């Protein structure tokens, strides 16, 4: 069993840093749910100068989307983290799967953001209905319908110092025949770090693979740490 002091203190982070000095993950050679649980127990971004091993591990585990974290294997043993003074130790039993309730894409606690998102959804639904009507008319007249897909990307920065506005501008500057960028939103990852969630539409015949777009986004090395596909739908 792995045990650490409170990870709300530098002493606990120092202990974790020492533990990770010769390890990539808490257990074995691949990440497990133990890594996710300990990662989420830290309430501040580790200082990379003082705690390089924790910072490296923390950034890596944070790069996984909630869906990927949920699919990680369970760890062979539980993890124990001592609570603050006067509190009982917090025992994180990672041998059992946690219930997964991922937030809706573009969800927010801000009422204005929620209203803007609902309006965005309404317009998207109206646009889709209009497209279906046009496609039906084209099919009736013998014209070929152009196959399209909608993609939602999650673009994660290196740290909380990354300028997300410039990162979005760099992403939108990626141009290719058949690619159209759409709505975007900044979402919190945790501990002061945010990610860019951005939608796009592609013409399947002209952009045959999403990997082409992912490679272009990943190539923005000054801003982008990783990119994931959060949603993919045929239109």
C-alpha atoms as a PDB file:
ATOM      1  CA  UNK A   1       0.000   0.000   0.000  1.00  0.00           C
ATOM      2  CA  UNK A   2       1.252   3.477  -0.919  1.00  0.00           C
ATOM      3  CA  UNK A   3       0.765   6.179   1.728  1.00  0.00           C
ATOM      4  CA  UNK A   4       1.425   9.925   1.601  1.00  0.00           C
ATOM      5  CA  UNK A   5       1.104  12.872   3.937  1.00  0.00           C
ATOM      6  CA  UNK A   6      -1.539  15.507   3.164  1.00  0.00           C
ATOM      7  CA  UNK A   7      -1.110  16.587  -0.459  1.00  0.00           C
ATOM      8  CA  UNK A   8      -2.421  20.027   0.490  1.00  0.00           C
ATOM      9  CA  UNK A   9       1.039  20.719   1.946  1.00  0.00           C
ATOM     10  CA  UNK A  10       4.511  21.048   0.466  1.00  0.00           C
ATOM     11  CA  UNK A  11       5.683  18.251   2.771  1.00  0.00           C
ATOM     12  CA  UNK A  12       3.211  15.854   1.195  1.00  0.00           C
ATOM     13  CA  UNK A  13       4.136  16.983  -2.328  1.00  0.00           C
ATOM     14  CA  UNK A  14       7.829  16.538  -1.460  1.00  0.00           C
ATOM     15  CA  UNK A  15       7.115  12.981  -0.314  1.00  0.00           C
ATOM     16  CA  UNK A  16       5.236  12.258  -3.548  1.00  0.00           C
ATOM     17  CA  UNK A  17       8.078  13.833  -5.535  1.00  0.00           C
ATOM     18  CA  UNK A  18      10.574  11.496  -3.881  1.00  0.00           C
ATOM     19  CA  UNK A  19       8.324   8.505  -4.574  1.00  0.00           C
ATOM     20  CA  UNK A  20       8.031   9.415  -8.275  1.00  0.00           C
ATOM     21  CA  UNK A  21      11.760  10.128  -8.692  1.00  0.00           C
ATOM     22  CA  UNK A  22      12.321   6.689 -10.233  1.00  0.00           C
ATOM     23  CA  UNK A  23       8.763   5.886 -11.361  1.00  0.00           C
ATOM     24  CA  UNK A  24       6.508   6.983 -14.196  1.00  0.00           C
ATOM     25  CA  UNK A  25       3.314   6.143 -12.307  1.00  0.00           C
ATOM     26  CA  UNK A  26       2.219   5.161  -8.809  1.00  0.00           C
ATOM     27  CA  UNK A  27       1.984   1.497  -9.785  1.00  0.00           C
ATOM     28  CA  UNK A  28       3.679  -0.295 -12.664  1.00  0.00           C
ATOM     29  CA  UNK A  29       4.449   1.007 -16.128  1.00  0.00           C
ATOM     30  CA  UNK A  30       1.034   2.389 -17.046  1.00  0.00           C
ATOM     31  CA  UNK A  31      -1.341   4.879 -15.414  1.00  0.00           C
ATOM     32  CA  UNK A  32      -4.142   3.553 -13.222  1.00  0.00           C
ATOM     33  CA  UNK A  33      -7.075   5.006 -11.321  1.00  0.00           C
ATOM     34  CA  UNK A  34      -4.685   5.509  -8.389  1.00  0.00           C
ATOM     35  CA  UNK A  35      -2.860   8.163 -10.429  1.00  0.00           C
ATOM     36  CA  UNK A  36      -6.134   9.943 -11.181  1.00  0.00           C
ATOM     37  CA  UNK A  37      -7.281   9.934  -7.553  1.00  0.00           C
ATOM     38  CA  UNK A  38      -3.970  11.223  -6.202  1.00  0.00           C
ATOM     39  CA  UNK A  39      -3.821  13.806  -9.001  1.00  0.00           C
ATOM     40  CA  UNK A  40      -7.269  15.079  -7.995  1.00  0.00           C
ATOM     41  CA  UNK A  41      -6.240  15.245  -4.329  1.00  0.00           C
ATOM     42  CA  UNK A  42      -3.693  17.979  -5.126  1.00  0.00           C
ATOM     43  CA  UNK A  43      -5.285  21.436  -4.964  1.00  0.00           C
ATOM     44  CA  UNK A  44      -2.475  23.494  -6.521  1.00  0.00           C
ATOM     45  CA  UNK A  45      -0.187  23.152  -9.530  1.00  0.00           C
ATOM     46  CA  UNK A  46       3.143  21.676  -8.322  1.00  0.00           C
ATOM     47  CA  UNK A  47       6.219  23.892  -8.621  1.00  0.00           C
ATOM     48  CA  UNK A  48       8.277  22.353 -11.424  1.00  0.00           C
ATOM     49  CA  UNK A  49      11.512  23.750 -10.019  1.00  0.00           C
ATOM     50  CA  UNK A  50      11.058  22.343  -6.525  1.00  0.00           C
ATOM     51  CA  UNK A  51       9.098  19.220  -7.456  1.00  0.00           C
ATOM     52  CA  UNK A  52      10.084  18.241 -11.022  1.00  0.00           C
ATOM     53  CA  UNK A  53       8.927  14.611 -10.794  1.00  0.00           C
ATOM     54  CA  UNK A  54       5.488  15.542  -9.453  1.00  0.00           C
ATOM     55  CA  UNK A  55       5.115  18.359 -12.007  1.00  0.00           C
ATOM     56  CA  UNK A  56       5.965  16.000 -14.872  1.00  0.00           C
ATOM     57  CA  UNK A  57       3.573  13.312 -13.596  1.00  0.00           C
ATOM     58  CA  UNK A  58       0.823  15.838 -12.708  1.00  0.00           C
ATOM     59  CA  UNK A  59       0.893  17.409 -16.171  1.00  0.00           C
ATOM     60  CA  UNK A  60       0.803  14.003 -17.851  1.00  0.00           C
ATOM     61  CA  UNK A  61      -2.121  12.625 -15.826  1.00  0.00           C
ATOM     62  CA  UNK A  62      -4.002  15.899 -16.332  1.00  0.00           C
ATOM     63  CA  UNK A  63      -3.659  15.518 -20.109  1.00  0.00           C
ATOM     64  CA  UNK A  64      -6.105  12.586 -20.079  1.00  0.00           C
ATOM     65  CA  UNK A  65      -9.737  13.467 -20.744  1.00  0.00           C
ATOM     66  CA  UNK A  66     -12.395  12.408 -18.177  1.00  0.00           C
ATOM     67  CA  UNK A  67     -13.386   9.600 -20.529  1.00  0.00           C
ATOM     68  CA  UNK A  68      -9.806   8.324 -20.747  1.00  0.00           C
ATOM     69  CA  UNK A  69      -9.326   8.599 -16.988  1.00  0.00           C
ATOM     70  CA  UNK A  70     -12.476   6.576 -16.394  1.00  0.00           C
ATOM     71  CA  UNK A  71     -11.206   3.789 -18.683  1.00  0.00           C
ATOM     72  CA  UNK A  72      -7.843   3.457 -16.935  1.00  0.00           C
ATOM     73  CA  UNK A  73      -7.274   0.094 -15.210  1.00  0.00           C
ATOM     74  CA  UNK A  74      -7.725  -0.256 -11.472  1.00  0.00           C
ATOM     75  CA  UNK A  75      -4.579  -0.268  -9.359  1.00  0.00           C
ATOM     76  CA  UNK A  76      -3.373  -3.412  -7.549  1.00  0.00           C
ATOM     77  CA  UNK A  77      -3.515  -1.728  -4.135  1.00  0.00           C
ATOM     78  CA  UNK A  78      -5.334   1.193  -2.481  1.00  0.00           C
ATOM     79  CA  UNK A  79      -3.671   4.540  -1.760  1.00  0.00           C
ATOM     80  CA  UNK A  80      -3.795   6.245   1.643  1.00  0.00           C
ATOM     81  CA  UNK A  81      -3.409  10.015   2.039  1.00  0.00           C
ATOM     82  CA  UNK A  82      -3.163  11.541   5.503  1.00  0.00           C
ATOM     83  CA  UNK A  83      -5.712  14.300   6.111  1.00  0.00           C
ATOM     84  CA  UNK A  84      -5.077  17.708   7.629  1.00  0.00           C
ATOM     85  CA  UNK A  85      -4.351  18.026  11.324  1.00  0.00           C
ATOM     86  CA  UNK A  86      -7.137  16.566  13.431  1.00  0.00           C
ATOM     87  CA  UNK A  87      -8.689  14.701  10.508  1.00  0.00           C
ATOM     88  CA  UNK A  88      -8.712  11.029   9.795  1.00  0.00           C
ATOM     89  CA  UNK A  89      -6.567   9.720   6.940  1.00  0.00           C
ATOM     90  CA  UNK A  90      -8.280   9.744   3.563  1.00  0.00           C
ATOM     91  CA  UNK A  91      -8.191   6.216   2.157  1.00  0.00           C
ATOM     92  CA  UNK A  92      -8.569   6.076  -1.597  1.00  0.00           C
ATOM     93  CA  UNK A  93      -9.583   2.537  -2.482  1.00  0.00           C
ATOM     94  CA  UNK A  94      -8.725   2.358  -6.172  1.00  0.00           C
ATOM     95  CA  UNK A  95      -9.555  -1.316  -6.482  1.00  0.00           C
ATOM     96  CA  UNK A  96     -13.157  -0.375  -7.330  1.00  0.00           C
ATOM     97  CA  UNK A  97     -14.346   1.574 -10.347  1.00  0.00           C
ATOM     98  CA  UNK A  98     -15.745   5.014  -9.595  1.00  0.00           C
ATOM     99  CA  UNK A  99     -19.103   6.094 -10.987  1.00  0.00           C
ATOM    100  CA  UNK A 100     -18.541   8.227 -14.051  1.00  0.00           C
ATOM    101  CA  UNK A 101     -20.646  11.285 -14.708  1.00  0.00           C
ATOM    102  CA  UNK A 102     -18.788  13.370 -17.276  1.00  0.00           C
ATOM    103  CA  UNK A 103     -19.889  16.975 -17.682  1.00  0.00           C
ATOM    104  CA  UNK A 104     -21.753  17.792 -20.844  1.00  0.00           C
ATOM    105  CA  UNK A 105     -19.622  19.368 -23.519  1.00  0.00           C
ATOM    106  CA  UNK A 106     -19.575  23.151 -23.139  1.00  0.00           C
ATOM    107  CA  UNK A 107     -21.311  22.859 -19.734  1.00  0.00           C
ATOM    108  CA  UNK A 108     -20.821  25.691 -17.277  1.00  0.00           C
ATOM    109  CA  UNK A 109     -21.978  26.912 -13.895  1.00  0.00           C
ATOM    110  CA  UNK A 110     -22.318  30.417 -15.256  1.00  0.00           C
ATOM    111  CA  UNK A 111     -25.942  31.206 -16.175  1.00  0.00           C
ATOM    112  CA  UNK A 112     -24.932  33.496 -19.035  1.00  0.00           C
ATOM    113  CA  UNK A 113     -22.685  30.801 -20.476  1.00  0.00           C
ATOM    114  CA  UNK A 114     -25.474  28.247 -20.103  1.00  0.00           C
ATOM    115  CA  UNK A 115     -27.918  30.527 -21.906  1.00  0.00           C
ATOM    116  CA  UNK A 116     -25.390  31.169 -24.668  1.00  0.00           C
ATOM    117  CA  UNK A 117     -24.823  27.443 -25.025  1.00  0.00           C
ATOM    118  CA  UNK A 118     -28.566  26.721 -25.223  1.00  0.00           C
ATOM    119  CA  UNK A 119     -28.896  29.390 -27.908  1.00  0.00           C
ATOM    120  CA  UNK A 120     -25.948  27.829 -29.707  1.00  0.00           C
ATOM    121  CA  UNK A 121     -27.650  24.428 -29.526  1.00  0.00           C
ATOM    122  CA  UNK A 122     -30.917  25.881 -30.825  1.00  0.00           C
ATOM    123  CA  UNK A 123     -29.182  27.445 -33.803  1.00  0.00           C
ATOM    124  CA  UNK A 124     -27.287  24.215 -34.486  1.00  0.00           C
ATOM    125  CA  UNK A 125     -30.549  22.238 -34.454  1.00  0.00           C
ATOM    126  CA  UNK A 126     -32.198  24.745 -36.786  1.00  0.00           C
ATOM    127  CA  UNK A 127     -29.199  24.627 -39.109  1.00  0.00           C
ATOM    128  CA  UNK A 128     -29.294  20.828 -39.115  1.00  0.00           C
ATOM    129  CA  UNK A 129     -33.017  20.791 -39.941  1.00  0.00           C
ATOM    130  CA  UNK A 130     -32.436  23.304 -42.733  1.00  0.00           C
ATOM    131  CA  UNK A 131     -29.606  21.154 -44.068  1.00  0.00           C
ATOM    132  CA  UNK A 132     -31.770  18.030 -43.980  1.00  0.00           C
ATOM    133  CA  UNK A 133     -34.441  19.902 -45.928  1.00  0.00           C
ATOM    134  CA  UNK A 134     -31.859  21.036 -48.530  1.00  0.00           C
ATOM    135  CA  UNK A 135     -30.441  17.518 -48.791  1.00  0.00           C
ATOM    136  CA  UNK A 136     -33.917  16.094 -49.306  1.00  0.00           C
ATOM    137  CA  UNK A 137     -34.563  18.654 -52.036  1.00  0.00           C
ATOM    138  CA  UNK A 138     -31.240  17.855 -53.709  1.00  0.00           C
ATOM    139  CA  UNK A 139     -31.939  14.140 -53.546  1.00  0.00           C
ATOM    140  CA  UNK A 140     -35.350  14.688 -55.084  1.00  0.00           C
ATOM    141  CA  UNK A 141     -33.780  16.661 -57.927  1.00  0.00           C
ATOM    142  CA  UNK A 142     -31.052  14.055 -58.457  1.00  0.00           C
ATOM    143  CA  UNK A 143     -28.190  16.120 -57.044  1.00  0.00           C
ATOM    144  CA  UNK A 144     -25.568  14.399 -54.867  1.00  0.00           C
ATOM    145  CA  UNK A 145     -25.473  15.205 -51.116  1.00  0.00           C
ATOM    146  CA  UNK A 146     -22.067  16.223 -49.709  1.00  0.00           C
ATOM    147  CA  UNK A 147     -21.109  14.110 -46.663  1.00  0.00           C
ATOM    148  CA  UNK A 148     -19.956  16.183 -43.696  1.00  0.00           C
ATOM    149  CA  UNK A 149     -18.898  15.552 -40.094  1.00  0.00           C
ATOM    150  CA  UNK A 150     -18.886  17.650 -36.937  1.00  0.00           C
ATOM    151  CA  UNK A 151     -15.954  17.339 -34.513  1.00  0.00           C
ATOM    152  CA  UNK A 152     -15.350  18.768 -31.045  1.00  0.00           C
ATOM    153  CA  UNK A 153     -11.672  19.020 -30.059  1.00  0.00           C
ATOM    154  CA  UNK A 154     -10.302  19.486 -26.522  1.00  0.00           C
ATOM    155  CA  UNK A 155      -7.008  21.371 -26.786  1.00  0.00           C
ATOM    156  CA  UNK A 156      -4.925  21.393 -23.601  1.00  0.00           C
ATOM    157  CA  UNK A 157      -2.151  23.911 -22.868  1.00  0.00           C
ATOM    158  CA  UNK A 158       1.165  23.251 -21.169  1.00  0.00           C
ATOM    159  CA  UNK A 159       0.260  25.086 -17.975  1.00  0.00           C
ATOM    160  CA  UNK A 160      -1.697  27.975 -16.476  1.00  0.00           C
ATOM    161  CA  UNK A 161       0.724  30.484 -18.043  1.00  0.00           C
ATOM    162  CA  UNK A 162      -0.270  29.601 -21.618  1.00  0.00           C
ATOM    163  CA  UNK A 163      -2.174  32.384 -23.395  1.00  0.00           C
ATOM    164  CA  UNK A 164      -5.372  30.588 -24.440  1.00  0.00           C
ATOM    165  CA  UNK A 165      -6.516  33.482 -26.621  1.00  0.00           C
ATOM    166  CA  UNK A 166      -3.362  33.210 -28.717  1.00  0.00           C
ATOM    167  CA  UNK A 167      -3.678  29.426 -28.678  1.00  0.00           C
ATOM    168  CA  UNK A 168      -7.200  29.665 -30.097  1.00  0.00           C
ATOM    169  CA  UNK A 169      -6.041  32.141 -32.730  1.00  0.00           C
ATOM    170  CA  UNK A 170      -3.288  29.701 -33.737  1.00  0.00           C
ATOM    171  CA  UNK A 171      -5.764  26.820 -33.939  1.00  0.00           C
ATOM    172  CA  UNK A 172      -8.216  28.843 -36.046  1.00  0.00           C
ATOM    173  CA  UNK A 173      -5.337  29.840 -38.323  1.00  0.00           C
ATOM    174  CA  UNK A 174      -5.091  26.191 -39.405  1.00  0.00           C
ATOM    175  CA  UNK A 175      -6.701  26.106 -42.815  1.00  0.00           C
ATOM    176  CA  UNK A 176      -7.345  23.297 -45.261  1.00  0.00           C
ATOM    177  CA  UNK A 177      -9.845  22.662 -47.999  1.00  0.00           C
ATOM    178  CA  UNK A 178     -13.041  21.290 -46.476  1.00  0.00           C
ATOM    179  CA  UNK A 179     -12.386  22.494 -42.898  1.00  0.00           C
ATOM    180  CA  UNK A 180     -14.531  25.157 -41.208  1.00  0.00           C
ATOM    181  CA  UNK A 181     -14.001  26.210 -37.580  1.00  0.00           C
ATOM    182  CA  UNK A 182     -17.073  26.868 -35.439  1.00  0.00           C
ATOM    183  CA  UNK A 183     -17.966  27.740 -31.849  1.00  0.00           C
ATOM    184  CA  UNK A 184     -15.434  27.510 -29.028  1.00  0.00           C
ATOM    185  CA  UNK A 185     -15.317  27.765 -25.269  1.00  0.00           C
ATOM    186  CA  UNK A 186     -12.742  27.805 -22.479  1.00  0.00           C
ATOM    187  CA  UNK A 187     -13.331  25.113 -19.858  1.00  0.00           C
ATOM    188  CA  UNK A 188     -11.487  24.557 -16.557  1.00  0.00           C
ATOM    189  CA  UNK A 189      -9.401  21.422 -16.160  1.00  0.00           C
ATOM    190  CA  UNK A 190      -8.560  22.121 -12.528  1.00  0.00           C
ATOM    191  CA  UNK A 191      -6.176  24.008 -10.264  1.00  0.00           C
ATOM    192  CA  UNK A 192      -6.167  27.166 -12.365  1.00  0.00           C
ATOM    193  CA  UNK A 193      -5.601  25.439 -15.713  1.00  0.00           C
ATOM    194  CA  UNK A 194      -8.111  25.750 -18.560  1.00  0.00           C
ATOM    195  CA  UNK A 195      -8.519  24.055 -21.919  1.00  0.00           C
ATOM    196  CA  UNK A 196      -9.912  25.149 -25.263  1.00  0.00           C
ATOM    197  CA  UNK A 197     -12.980  23.256 -26.497  1.00  0.00           C
ATOM    198  CA  UNK A 198     -13.565  24.052 -30.161  1.00  0.00           C
ATOM    199  CA  UNK A 199     -15.926  22.723 -32.819  1.00  0.00           C
ATOM    200  CA  UNK A 200     -15.342  22.331 -36.537  1.00  0.00           C
ATOM    201  CA  UNK A 201     -17.104  20.933 -39.583  1.00  0.00           C
ATOM    202  CA  UNK A 202     -15.321  18.947 -42.272  1.00  0.00           C
ATOM    203  CA  UNK A 203     -16.273  17.724 -45.730  1.00  0.00           C
ATOM    204  CA  UNK A 204     -15.474  14.025 -45.498  1.00  0.00           C
ATOM    205  CA  UNK A 205     -14.242  13.690 -49.049  1.00  0.00           C
ATOM    206  CA  UNK A 206     -11.793  16.570 -48.685  1.00  0.00           C
ATOM    207  CA  UNK A 207     -10.640  15.798 -45.097  1.00  0.00           C
ATOM    208  CA  UNK A 208     -10.627  11.982 -44.983  1.00  0.00           C
ATOM    209  CA  UNK A 209      -9.007  11.700 -41.533  1.00  0.00           C
ATOM    210  CA  UNK A 210      -9.211  13.641 -38.265  1.00  0.00           C
ATOM    211  CA  UNK A 211      -5.551  12.806 -37.666  1.00  0.00           C
ATOM    212  CA  UNK A 212      -4.589  15.441 -40.231  1.00  0.00           C
ATOM    213  CA  UNK A 213      -6.214  18.152 -38.107  1.00  0.00           C
ATOM    214  CA  UNK A 214      -4.873  16.703 -34.831  1.00  0.00           C
ATOM    215  CA  UNK A 215      -1.325  16.743 -36.211  1.00  0.00           C
ATOM    216  CA  UNK A 216      -1.691  20.374 -37.263  1.00  0.00           C
ATOM    217  CA  UNK A 217      -2.948  21.351 -33.792  1.00  0.00           C
ATOM    218  CA  UNK A 218      -0.261  19.340 -31.983  1.00  0.00           C
ATOM    219  CA  UNK A 219       2.377  21.059 -34.126  1.00  0.00           C
ATOM    220  CA  UNK A 220       1.564  24.318 -32.281  1.00  0.00           C
ATOM    221  CA  UNK A 221       4.211  23.382 -29.715  1.00  0.00           C
ATOM    222  CA  UNK A 222       4.403  26.810 -28.066  1.00  0.00           C
ATOM    223  CA  UNK A 223       0.827  26.464 -26.839  1.00  0.00           C
ATOM    224  CA  UNK A 224      -0.471  22.904 -27.164  1.00  0.00           C
ATOM    225  CA  UNK A 225       0.380  20.072 -24.795  1.00  0.00           C
ATOM    226  CA  UNK A 226      -2.176  17.612 -26.206  1.00  0.00           C
ATOM    227  CA  UNK A 227      -5.385  17.401 -28.195  1.00  0.00           C
ATOM    228  CA  UNK A 228      -8.294  14.955 -27.913  1.00  0.00           C
ATOM    229  CA  UNK A 229     -11.526  14.382 -29.818  1.00  0.00           C
ATOM    230  CA  UNK A 230     -14.427  14.912 -27.413  1.00  0.00           C
ATOM    231  CA  UNK A 231     -17.206  14.263 -29.932  1.00  0.00           C
ATOM    232  CA  UNK A 232     -17.557  13.173 -33.547  1.00  0.00           C
ATOM    233  CA  UNK A 233     -20.851  13.138 -35.479  1.00  0.00           C
ATOM    234  CA  UNK A 234     -21.808  12.582 -39.064  1.00  0.00           C
ATOM    235  CA  UNK A 235     -24.016  15.331 -40.441  1.00  0.00           C
END
